[in-house]
N, C-alpha and C. Protein backbone atom coordinates (compact mmCIF):
# COMPACT_ATOMS: atom_id res chain seq x y z
N UNK A 1 -5.52 -1.66 7.60
CA UNK A 1 -4.34 -2.60 7.31
C UNK A 1 -2.95 -1.66 8.28
N UNK A 2 -2.71 -2.95 9.50
CA UNK A 2 -1.89 -2.75 10.11
C UNK A 2 -0.69 -1.76 9.97
N UNK A 3 0.31 -1.21 10.46
CA UNK A 3 1.45 -1.18 10.11
C UNK A 3 2.67 -2.12 9.50
N UNK A 4 2.55 -3.24 9.95
CA UNK A 4 3.35 -4.44 10.52
C UNK A 4 2.92 -5.23 8.58
N UNK A 5 1.90 -4.71 8.45
CA UNK A 5 1.42 -5.15 7.25
C UNK A 5 1.57 -4.34 5.96
N UNK A 6 2.41 -3.07 6.84
CA UNK A 6 2.73 -2.03 4.81
C UNK A 6 3.32 -3.00 4.27
N UNK A 7 3.65 -2.07 2.78
CA UNK A 7 5.35 -3.12 2.11
C UNK A 7 6.42 -2.48 2.39
N UNK A 8 7.31 -3.23 2.46
CA UNK A 8 8.60 -2.83 2.64
C UNK A 8 8.79 -1.74 1.11
N UNK A 9 10.13 -1.45 1.39
CA UNK A 9 10.48 -0.01 0.16
C UNK A 9 11.28 -1.57 -0.48
N UNK A 10 11.38 -1.80 -1.77
CA UNK A 10 13.07 -2.65 -2.48
C UNK A 10 13.40 -1.96 -2.60
N UNK A 11 13.50 -0.62 -2.76
CA UNK A 11 14.96 0.19 -3.30
C UNK A 11 16.09 0.24 -2.35
N UNK A 12 15.86 -0.27 -0.73
CA UNK A 12 17.18 -0.31 0.75
C UNK A 12 17.06 -1.57 0.69
N UNK A 13 18.40 -1.78 1.41
CA UNK A 13 18.98 -2.45 1.54
C UNK A 13 18.24 -2.90 2.61
N UNK A 14 18.22 -2.52 3.74
CA UNK A 14 17.64 -2.16 5.27
C UNK A 14 16.08 -2.23 5.17
N UNK A 15 14.56 -2.88 5.87
CA UNK A 15 13.82 -2.63 5.32
C UNK A 15 13.20 -1.05 6.02
N UNK A 16 12.69 -0.50 4.93
CA UNK A 16 12.10 0.34 5.61
C UNK A 16 10.55 0.56 5.08
N UNK A 17 9.44 0.44 5.59
CA UNK A 17 8.07 0.17 5.64
C UNK A 17 7.85 1.69 4.51
N UNK A 18 6.81 1.46 3.42
CA UNK A 18 6.21 2.20 3.19
C UNK A 18 5.01 3.59 3.71
N UNK A 19 4.58 3.72 3.71
CA UNK A 19 2.73 4.65 4.38
C UNK A 19 2.62 4.30 3.27
N UNK A 20 1.07 4.67 3.81
CA UNK A 20 -0.72 4.52 2.86
C UNK A 20 -0.32 5.38 2.51
N UNK A 21 -1.01 5.98 1.29
CA UNK A 21 -1.29 7.45 0.79
C UNK A 21 -2.60 7.09 0.66
N UNK A 22 -3.18 7.13 -0.29
CA UNK A 22 -4.16 7.47 -1.09
C UNK A 22 -5.21 5.55 -0.95
N UNK A 23 -6.06 5.58 -0.95
CA UNK A 23 -7.15 4.05 -1.60
C UNK A 23 -8.41 4.70 -2.44
N UNK A 24 -7.94 3.43 -3.59
CA UNK A 24 -9.25 3.84 -4.21
C UNK A 24 -9.75 2.77 -5.11
N UNK A 25 -10.86 2.74 -5.62
CA UNK A 25 -11.66 1.20 -6.24
C UNK A 25 -10.77 1.82 -7.37
N UNK A 26 -10.38 0.07 -8.20
CA UNK A 26 -10.14 0.10 -8.95
C UNK A 26 -10.56 0.13 -10.82
N UNK A 27 -10.64 1.14 -11.65
CA UNK A 27 -12.03 1.30 -12.89
C UNK A 27 -12.33 -0.23 -13.26
N UNK A 28 -11.49 -0.21 -13.85
CA UNK A 28 -11.10 -1.89 -14.39
C UNK A 28 -12.17 -2.88 -13.41
N UNK A 29 -12.03 -3.14 -12.16
CA UNK A 29 -12.95 -4.34 -11.36
C UNK A 29 -12.75 -3.23 -9.72
N UNK A 30 -14.16 -2.23 -10.27
CA UNK A 30 -14.53 -1.48 -8.99
C UNK A 30 -14.31 -2.29 -7.43
N UNK A 31 -14.33 -3.74 -7.75
CA UNK A 31 -14.48 -4.64 -5.97
C UNK A 31 -13.53 -4.16 -5.36
N UNK A 32 -12.48 -3.84 -6.30
CA UNK A 32 -11.48 -4.91 -5.57
C UNK A 32 -10.68 -2.66 -5.13
N UNK A 33 -10.37 -2.30 -3.78
CA UNK A 33 -9.23 -1.28 -3.32
C UNK A 33 -7.79 -1.90 -3.89
N UNK A 34 -7.45 -0.58 -4.08
CA UNK A 34 -5.84 -0.67 -4.60
C UNK A 34 -5.46 0.93 -3.39
N UNK A 35 -3.88 0.80 -2.92
CA UNK A 35 -3.73 1.75 -2.05
C UNK A 35 -2.50 1.83 -2.89
N UNK A 36 -2.65 3.74 -2.98
CA UNK A 36 -1.18 3.91 -3.33
C UNK A 36 -0.07 4.49 -1.61
N UNK A 37 0.96 3.58 -1.96
CA UNK A 37 2.30 3.29 -0.71
C UNK A 37 3.06 4.38 -1.67
N UNK A 38 4.07 5.16 -0.38
CA UNK A 38 5.40 5.59 -1.21
C UNK A 38 6.45 6.02 0.54
N UNK A 39 7.00 5.33 -0.22
CA UNK A 39 8.83 5.15 1.08
C UNK A 39 8.99 6.74 1.29
N UNK A 40 9.05 6.83 2.56
CA UNK A 40 9.73 7.77 3.16
C UNK A 40 10.61 8.69 2.96
N UNK A 41 11.51 7.78 2.40
CA UNK A 41 13.16 7.58 3.08
C UNK A 41 13.42 8.61 1.30
N UNK A 42 12.73 7.94 0.19
CA UNK A 42 13.11 7.83 -1.12
C UNK A 42 12.29 8.53 -2.00
N UNK A 43 10.73 8.48 -1.63
CA UNK A 43 9.96 9.12 -1.82
C UNK A 43 9.30 8.01 -3.15
N UNK A 44 9.71 6.76 -3.46
CA UNK A 44 9.54 5.17 -4.14
C UNK A 44 7.97 5.51 -3.86
N UNK A 45 6.91 4.83 -4.69
CA UNK A 45 5.74 4.46 -4.76
C UNK A 45 5.46 3.34 -5.34
N UNK A 46 4.20 2.67 -4.97
CA UNK A 46 3.87 1.72 -5.74
C UNK A 46 2.27 1.01 -4.78
N UNK A 47 2.05 0.91 -5.85
CA UNK A 47 -0.01 0.73 -5.56
C UNK A 47 0.15 -0.78 -5.79
N UNK A 48 -0.81 -1.36 -5.33
CA UNK A 48 -1.54 -2.59 -4.57
C UNK A 48 -2.61 -2.78 -3.64
N UNK A 49 -3.07 -3.97 -3.87
CA UNK A 49 -4.55 -4.27 -3.69
C UNK A 49 -4.47 -4.25 -2.30
N UNK A 50 -5.99 -3.61 -1.49
CA UNK A 50 -5.45 -3.70 -0.35
C UNK A 50 -6.13 -4.97 0.24
N UNK A 51 -6.87 -6.03 1.43
CA UNK A 51 -7.27 -6.64 1.84
C UNK A 51 -8.38 -5.49 2.19
N UNK A 52 -10.11 -6.32 2.28
CA UNK A 52 -10.26 -5.44 2.63
C UNK A 52 -11.37 -6.87 3.61
N UNK A 53 -11.84 -6.50 4.91
CA UNK A 53 -12.75 -7.57 5.26
C UNK A 53 -14.77 -6.84 5.64
N UNK A 54 -15.99 -7.27 4.94
CA UNK A 54 -16.82 -6.94 5.78
C UNK A 54 -17.63 -6.88 6.69
N UNK A 55 -16.08 -7.34 8.20
CA UNK A 55 -16.84 -6.82 9.90
C UNK A 55 -15.89 -5.82 10.14
N UNK A 56 -16.81 -5.76 10.57
CA UNK A 56 -17.13 -4.06 10.93
C UNK A 56 -17.23 -3.76 12.32
């Protein structure tokens, strides 16, 4: 995931990109990787699926 693909925090009027803190598998769907994102300004957290590719 690149910096441009990070989600924006919806608690700000201006665009503040969230930072990826951790990644883990979803316990109900182990094939899905979930990222925990945190806003560097207000600390708001959001969990979102992360697109992965098999090409390395």
